[in-house]
Amino acid sequence: MKYVVIDLEMCEVPKMYRTEKYRYSRETIQIGAVLLDDELNEADSFMTYVKPQYGLISPFIQKLTGISKKDVSTAPKMREALKNFIDWLPEDVTLVSWSDSDQMQLCKEIESKQIEFDGIEKLNDSWLDCQIKFSEIIKNPKAYKLVDAMNLSDIFYDDNIHDGLVDAKNTALLFKKMMTEKEYQFNKYYMGFADEEAGRIGA
């Protein structure tokens, strides 16, 4: 079994631009992914910007993601971007993501944009939700943000977050730790804050 860690970045779709076919509030503007080898180290990577058909890159989204209108102006639309991604994917692969939001976003866009081509079924075959797995490890039902989980796990990471490829690489580091460390080691400094929060949740 091979693992590919994936992360999407999205823009906003204002209500005035939503249609009967596309009624969602977000649209993908970047796909980042990392292929892991047998030891769960990075073996290859994939990144593409995606030209939105309905959404706009607002000043807020540009500041958050670093993605500009110019970046997506000549980028492939979702069908071509996904075709390129599928062509890059190996056979017999499990997609790994932080939460199920990226999987749900892909499903929404594939259905609403009526995207079809050979191999697209790979996007629904097998997914692993790292966020759920981390909550199980830390024994707290809270849905942790990726940055919080990495701080709690004492992992040094690239802080250029909200870039699809960077977030995929960061998630891959955390995924490797969760899959290989039998006695999970937490950052004691951050765990103090987590314990306080858990106490408030249980109160």
C-alpha atoms as a PDB file:
ATOM      1  CA  MET A   1       0.000   0.000   0.000  1.00  0.00           C
ATOM      2  CA  LYS A   2       1.294   3.444  -0.941  1.00  0.00           C
ATOM      3  CA  TYR A   3       0.302   6.690   0.772  1.00  0.00           C
ATOM      4  CA  VAL A   4      -0.174  10.118  -0.779  1.00  0.00           C
ATOM      5  CA  VAL A   5      -0.796  13.064   1.545  1.00  0.00           C
ATOM      6  CA  ILE A   6      -2.984  15.709  -0.088  1.00  0.00           C
ATOM      7  CA  ASP A   7      -3.999  19.254   0.801  1.00  0.00           C
ATOM      8  CA  LEU A   8      -6.264  21.697  -1.028  1.00  0.00           C
ATOM      9  CA  GLU A   9      -6.397  25.463  -0.829  1.00  0.00           C
ATOM     10  CA  MET A  10      -9.651  27.169  -1.720  1.00  0.00           C
ATOM     11  CA  CYS A  11     -11.098  30.562  -2.541  1.00  0.00           C
ATOM     12  CA  GLU A  12     -14.471  32.015  -1.702  1.00  0.00           C
ATOM     13  CA  VAL A  13     -17.487  31.837  -3.991  1.00  0.00           C
ATOM     14  CA  PRO A  14     -19.698  34.862  -3.233  1.00  0.00           C
ATOM     15  CA  LYS A  15     -23.425  34.159  -3.161  1.00  0.00           C
ATOM     16  CA  MET A  16     -23.986  36.250  -6.298  1.00  0.00           C
ATOM     17  CA  TYR A  17     -21.732  33.888  -8.287  1.00  0.00           C
ATOM     18  CA  ARG A  18     -23.240  30.625  -7.074  1.00  0.00           C
ATOM     19  CA  THR A  19     -25.479  28.823  -9.517  1.00  0.00           C
ATOM     20  CA  GLU A  20     -27.926  25.953  -9.518  1.00  0.00           C
ATOM     21  CA  LYS A  21     -25.057  23.703 -10.649  1.00  0.00           C
ATOM     22  CA  TYR A  22     -22.473  25.147  -8.271  1.00  0.00           C
ATOM     23  CA  ARG A  23     -24.043  26.241  -5.003  1.00  0.00           C
ATOM     24  CA  TYR A  24     -20.998  25.852  -2.744  1.00  0.00           C
ATOM     25  CA  SER A  25     -19.174  28.602  -0.875  1.00  0.00           C
ATOM     26  CA  ARG A  26     -15.631  27.460  -1.718  1.00  0.00           C
ATOM     27  CA  GLU A  27     -13.706  26.376  -4.795  1.00  0.00           C
ATOM     28  CA  THR A  28     -10.275  24.776  -5.146  1.00  0.00           C
ATOM     29  CA  ILE A  29      -7.371  26.960  -6.286  1.00  0.00           C
ATOM     30  CA  GLN A  30      -4.412  24.714  -5.387  1.00  0.00           C
ATOM     31  CA  ILE A  31      -3.665  21.005  -5.015  1.00  0.00           C
ATOM     32  CA  GLY A  32      -0.551  19.947  -3.122  1.00  0.00           C
ATOM     33  CA  ALA A  33       0.458  16.349  -2.510  1.00  0.00           C
ATOM     34  CA  VAL A  34       3.350  14.230  -1.258  1.00  0.00           C
ATOM     35  CA  LEU A  35       4.065  10.593  -2.151  1.00  0.00           C
ATOM     36  CA  LEU A  36       5.582   8.596   0.701  1.00  0.00           C
ATOM     37  CA  ASP A  37       8.001   5.699   0.338  1.00  0.00           C
ATOM     38  CA  ASP A  38       7.929   2.436   2.293  1.00  0.00           C
ATOM     39  CA  GLU A  39       9.463   4.173   5.318  1.00  0.00           C
ATOM     40  CA  LEU A  40       6.925   7.028   5.068  1.00  0.00           C
ATOM     41  CA  ASN A  41       9.505   9.542   3.914  1.00  0.00           C
ATOM     42  CA  GLU A  42       8.819  11.928   1.039  1.00  0.00           C
ATOM     43  CA  ALA A  43       9.590  10.272  -2.305  1.00  0.00           C
ATOM     44  CA  ASP A  44       7.939  12.710  -4.710  1.00  0.00           C
ATOM     45  CA  SER A  45       5.629  15.704  -4.712  1.00  0.00           C
ATOM     46  CA  PHE A  46       2.902  17.268  -6.840  1.00  0.00           C
ATOM     47  CA  MET A  47       1.587  20.821  -6.979  1.00  0.00           C
ATOM     48  CA  THR A  48      -0.724  22.666  -9.297  1.00  0.00           C
ATOM     49  CA  TYR A  49      -2.719  25.843  -9.092  1.00  0.00           C
ATOM     50  CA  VAL A  50      -6.323  25.552 -10.266  1.00  0.00           C
ATOM     51  CA  LYS A  51      -8.244  28.227 -12.129  1.00  0.00           C
ATOM     52  CA  PRO A  52     -11.596  28.780 -10.390  1.00  0.00           C
ATOM     53  CA  GLN A  53     -14.725  28.892 -12.537  1.00  0.00           C
ATOM     54  CA  TYR A  54     -16.971  30.594  -9.985  1.00  0.00           C
ATOM     55  CA  GLY A  55     -14.894  31.854  -7.082  1.00  0.00           C
ATOM     56  CA  LEU A  56     -12.762  34.932  -6.572  1.00  0.00           C
ATOM     57  CA  ILE A  57      -9.413  35.353  -4.865  1.00  0.00           C
ATOM     58  CA  SER A  58     -10.181  38.077  -2.364  1.00  0.00           C
ATOM     59  CA  PRO A  59      -7.462  40.113  -0.600  1.00  0.00           C
ATOM     60  CA  PHE A  60      -8.099  37.941   2.474  1.00  0.00           C
ATOM     61  CA  ILE A  61      -7.525  34.680   0.579  1.00  0.00           C
ATOM     62  CA  GLN A  62      -4.427  36.065  -1.140  1.00  0.00           C
ATOM     63  CA  LYS A  63      -2.976  37.108   2.207  1.00  0.00           C
ATOM     64  CA  LEU A  64      -3.903  33.773   3.809  1.00  0.00           C
ATOM     65  CA  THR A  65      -2.601  31.474   1.063  1.00  0.00           C
ATOM     66  CA  GLY A  66      -0.126  33.630  -0.827  1.00  0.00           C
ATOM     67  CA  ILE A  67      -2.000  32.711  -4.024  1.00  0.00           C
ATOM     68  CA  SER A  68      -2.762  35.612  -6.358  1.00  0.00           C
ATOM     69  CA  LYS A  69      -5.114  36.079  -9.290  1.00  0.00           C
ATOM     70  CA  LYS A  70      -2.046  35.969 -11.530  1.00  0.00           C
ATOM     71  CA  ASP A  71      -1.078  32.545 -10.151  1.00  0.00           C
ATOM     72  CA  VAL A  72      -4.380  31.011 -11.246  1.00  0.00           C
ATOM     73  CA  SER A  73      -5.011  33.060 -14.402  1.00  0.00           C
ATOM     74  CA  THR A  74      -3.236  30.563 -16.666  1.00  0.00           C
ATOM     75  CA  ALA A  75      -3.661  27.513 -14.414  1.00  0.00           C
ATOM     76  CA  PRO A  76      -5.681  24.472 -15.541  1.00  0.00           C
ATOM     77  CA  LYS A  77      -9.325  24.244 -14.584  1.00  0.00           C
ATOM     78  CA  MET A  78     -10.371  21.534 -12.159  1.00  0.00           C
ATOM     79  CA  ARG A  79     -10.865  18.757 -14.698  1.00  0.00           C
ATOM     80  CA  GLU A  80      -7.382  19.119 -16.185  1.00  0.00           C
ATOM     81  CA  ALA A  81      -5.791  19.635 -12.772  1.00  0.00           C
ATOM     82  CA  LEU A  82      -7.380  16.446 -11.427  1.00  0.00           C
ATOM     83  CA  LYS A  83      -6.401  14.536 -14.573  1.00  0.00           C
ATOM     84  CA  ASN A  84      -2.783  15.612 -14.056  1.00  0.00           C
ATOM     85  CA  PHE A  85      -2.995  14.585 -10.401  1.00  0.00           C
ATOM     86  CA  ILE A  86      -4.488  11.176 -11.200  1.00  0.00           C
ATOM     87  CA  ASP A  87      -1.805  10.562 -13.844  1.00  0.00           C
ATOM     88  CA  TRP A  88       0.804  11.281 -11.147  1.00  0.00           C
ATOM     89  CA  LEU A  89      -0.778   8.979  -8.541  1.00  0.00           C
ATOM     90  CA  PRO A  90       0.634   5.443  -8.211  1.00  0.00           C
ATOM     91  CA  GLU A  91      -1.591   2.370  -8.274  1.00  0.00           C
ATOM     92  CA  ASP A  92      -3.030   0.956  -5.039  1.00  0.00           C
ATOM     93  CA  VAL A  93      -2.820   4.210  -3.102  1.00  0.00           C
ATOM     94  CA  THR A  94      -4.450   5.545   0.050  1.00  0.00           C
ATOM     95  CA  LEU A  95      -5.000   9.292   0.156  1.00  0.00           C
ATOM     96  CA  VAL A  96      -4.195  10.922   3.476  1.00  0.00           C
ATOM     97  CA  SER A  97      -5.567  14.296   4.574  1.00  0.00           C
ATOM     98  CA  TRP A  98      -6.090  16.431   7.634  1.00  0.00           C
ATOM     99  CA  SER A  99      -9.869  16.106   8.221  1.00  0.00           C
ATOM    100  CA  ASP A 100     -12.360  15.003   5.584  1.00  0.00           C
ATOM    101  CA  SER A 101     -12.984  18.507   4.208  1.00  0.00           C
ATOM    102  CA  ASP A 102     -10.673  18.083   1.204  1.00  0.00           C
ATOM    103  CA  GLN A 103     -12.281  14.789   0.219  1.00  0.00           C
ATOM    104  CA  MET A 104     -15.732  16.358   0.494  1.00  0.00           C
ATOM    105  CA  GLN A 105     -14.620  19.382  -1.553  1.00  0.00           C
ATOM    106  CA  LEU A 106     -13.334  17.145  -4.337  1.00  0.00           C
ATOM    107  CA  CYS A 107     -16.602  15.190  -4.367  1.00  0.00           C
ATOM    108  CA  LYS A 108     -18.619  18.414  -4.602  1.00  0.00           C
ATOM    109  CA  GLU A 109     -16.584  19.798  -7.480  1.00  0.00           C
ATOM    110  CA  ILE A 110     -16.427  16.528  -9.414  1.00  0.00           C
ATOM    111  CA  GLU A 111     -20.195  16.140  -9.202  1.00  0.00           C
ATOM    112  CA  SER A 112     -21.200  19.758  -9.815  1.00  0.00           C
ATOM    113  CA  LYS A 113     -18.698  20.273 -12.659  1.00  0.00           C
ATOM    114  CA  GLN A 114     -19.560  16.858 -14.131  1.00  0.00           C
ATOM    115  CA  ILE A 115     -15.919  15.790 -14.277  1.00  0.00           C
ATOM    116  CA  GLU A 116     -15.369  12.342 -15.772  1.00  0.00           C
ATOM    117  CA  PHE A 117     -12.312  10.519 -17.073  1.00  0.00           C
ATOM    118  CA  ASP A 118     -10.627   7.137 -16.687  1.00  0.00           C
ATOM    119  CA  GLY A 119      -9.068   6.702 -13.252  1.00  0.00           C
ATOM    120  CA  ILE A 120     -11.005   9.383 -11.411  1.00  0.00           C
ATOM    121  CA  GLU A 121     -12.464   6.657  -9.173  1.00  0.00           C
ATOM    122  CA  LYS A 122      -9.084   6.611  -7.388  1.00  0.00           C
ATOM    123  CA  LEU A 123     -10.207   9.741  -5.559  1.00  0.00           C
ATOM    124  CA  ASN A 124     -12.916   7.800  -3.752  1.00  0.00           C
ATOM    125  CA  ASP A 125     -11.275   4.401  -3.293  1.00  0.00           C
ATOM    126  CA  SER A 126      -9.424   4.911  -0.007  1.00  0.00           C
ATOM    127  CA  TRP A 127      -8.927   7.867   2.346  1.00  0.00           C
ATOM    128  CA  LEU A 128      -7.367   8.172   5.796  1.00  0.00           C
ATOM    129  CA  ASP A 129      -8.309  11.075   8.078  1.00  0.00           C
ATOM    130  CA  CYS A 130      -5.265  12.118  10.136  1.00  0.00           C
ATOM    131  CA  GLN A 131      -7.286  14.506  12.281  1.00  0.00           C
ATOM    132  CA  ILE A 132      -9.454  11.701  13.647  1.00  0.00           C
ATOM    133  CA  LYS A 133      -6.428   9.499  14.239  1.00  0.00           C
ATOM    134  CA  PHE A 134      -4.692  12.274  16.176  1.00  0.00           C
ATOM    135  CA  SER A 135      -7.759  12.837  18.373  1.00  0.00           C
ATOM    136  CA  GLU A 136      -7.711   9.120  19.181  1.00  0.00           C
ATOM    137  CA  ILE A 137      -4.009   9.262  20.095  1.00  0.00           C
ATOM    138  CA  ILE A 138      -4.406  12.285  22.339  1.00  0.00           C
ATOM    139  CA  LYS A 139      -7.663  10.874  23.757  1.00  0.00           C
ATOM    140  CA  ASN A 140      -9.579  14.082  23.229  1.00  0.00           C
ATOM    141  CA  PRO A 141     -12.574  14.367  20.847  1.00  0.00           C
ATOM    142  CA  LYS A 142     -11.618  17.911  19.883  1.00  0.00           C
ATOM    143  CA  ALA A 143     -10.911  18.452  16.170  1.00  0.00           C
ATOM    144  CA  TYR A 144      -7.380  19.830  16.388  1.00  0.00           C
ATOM    145  CA  LYS A 145      -5.915  22.208  13.835  1.00  0.00           C
ATOM    146  CA  LEU A 146      -2.887  20.837  11.997  1.00  0.00           C
ATOM    147  CA  VAL A 147      -0.527  23.410  13.529  1.00  0.00           C
ATOM    148  CA  ASP A 148      -1.767  22.625  17.043  1.00  0.00           C
ATOM    149  CA  ALA A 149      -1.311  18.893  16.463  1.00  0.00           C
ATOM    150  CA  MET A 150       2.242  19.430  15.229  1.00  0.00           C
ATOM    151  CA  ASN A 151       3.108  21.630  18.192  1.00  0.00           C
ATOM    152  CA  LEU A 152       1.668  19.051  20.572  1.00  0.00           C
ATOM    153  CA  SER A 153       3.652  16.343  18.768  1.00  0.00           C
ATOM    154  CA  ASP A 154       6.927  18.284  19.037  1.00  0.00           C
ATOM    155  CA  ILE A 155       7.477  18.331  15.274  1.00  0.00           C
ATOM    156  CA  PHE A 156       9.518  21.058  13.601  1.00  0.00           C
ATOM    157  CA  TYR A 157       7.545  22.154  10.565  1.00  0.00           C
ATOM    158  CA  ASP A 158       7.482  24.687   7.748  1.00  0.00           C
ATOM    159  CA  ASP A 159       5.401  27.583   9.063  1.00  0.00           C
ATOM    160  CA  ASN A 160       4.393  28.780   5.581  1.00  0.00           C
ATOM    161  CA  ILE A 161       0.978  27.287   6.275  1.00  0.00           C
ATOM    162  CA  HIS A 162      -2.023  27.533   3.932  1.00  0.00           C
ATOM    163  CA  ASP A 163       0.158  26.619   0.999  1.00  0.00           C
ATOM    164  CA  GLY A 164      -1.153  23.304  -0.341  1.00  0.00           C
ATOM    165  CA  LEU A 165       2.228  21.647  -0.836  1.00  0.00           C
ATOM    166  CA  VAL A 166       3.646  22.931   2.459  1.00  0.00           C
ATOM    167  CA  ASP A 167       0.593  21.714   4.368  1.00  0.00           C
ATOM    168  CA  ALA A 168       0.824  18.326   2.635  1.00  0.00           C
ATOM    169  CA  LYS A 169       4.499  18.038   3.630  1.00  0.00           C
ATOM    170  CA  ASN A 170       3.696  19.053   7.217  1.00  0.00           C
ATOM    171  CA  THR A 171       0.825  16.562   7.412  1.00  0.00           C
ATOM    172  CA  ALA A 172       3.169  13.883   6.065  1.00  0.00           C
ATOM    173  CA  LEU A 173       5.615  14.500   8.911  1.00  0.00           C
ATOM    174  CA  LEU A 174       2.831  14.132  11.463  1.00  0.00           C
ATOM    175  CA  PHE A 175       1.409  11.078   9.692  1.00  0.00           C
ATOM    176  CA  LYS A 176       4.773   9.322   9.828  1.00  0.00           C
ATOM    177  CA  LYS A 177       5.050   9.959  13.561  1.00  0.00           C
ATOM    178  CA  MET A 178       1.521   8.672  14.184  1.00  0.00           C
ATOM    179  CA  MET A 179       2.125   5.538  12.126  1.00  0.00           C
ATOM    180  CA  THR A 180       5.574   4.621  13.435  1.00  0.00           C
ATOM    181  CA  GLU A 181       5.874   5.787  17.053  1.00  0.00           C
ATOM    182  CA  LYS A 182       4.541   3.083  19.371  1.00  0.00           C
ATOM    183  CA  GLU A 183       4.881   5.218  22.505  1.00  0.00           C
ATOM    184  CA  TYR A 184       3.718   8.564  21.178  1.00  0.00           C
ATOM    185  CA  GLN A 185       5.878  11.405  22.446  1.00  0.00           C
ATOM    186  CA  PHE A 186       4.196  14.748  23.063  1.00  0.00           C
ATOM    187  CA  ASN A 187       5.708  18.167  23.647  1.00  0.00           C
ATOM    188  CA  LYS A 188       5.381  18.570  27.404  1.00  0.00           C
ATOM    189  CA  TYR A 189       5.180  22.362  27.154  1.00  0.00           C
ATOM    190  CA  TYR A 190       2.192  22.299  24.784  1.00  0.00           C
ATOM    191  CA  MET A 191       0.615  19.337  26.539  1.00  0.00           C
ATOM    192  CA  GLY A 192       0.143  21.515  29.615  1.00  0.00           C
ATOM    193  CA  PHE A 193      -2.166  23.750  27.602  1.00  0.00           C
ATOM    194  CA  ALA A 194      -3.917  20.723  26.105  1.00  0.00           C
ATOM    195  CA  ASP A 195      -4.572  19.277  29.553  1.00  0.00           C
ATOM    196  CA  GLU A 196      -6.088  22.565  30.700  1.00  0.00           C
ATOM    197  CA  GLU A 197      -8.331  22.643  27.651  1.00  0.00           C
ATOM    198  CA  ALA A 198      -9.368  19.026  28.126  1.00  0.00           C
ATOM    199  CA  GLY A 199     -10.330  19.901  31.678  1.00  0.00           C
ATOM    200  CA  ARG A 200     -12.535  22.715  30.410  1.00  0.00           C
ATOM    201  CA  ILE A 201     -14.158  20.407  27.849  1.00  0.00           C
ATOM    202  CA  GLY A 202     -14.909  17.814  30.521  1.00  0.00           C
ATOM    203  CA  ALA A 203     -16.208  20.376  33.025  1.00  0.00           C
END
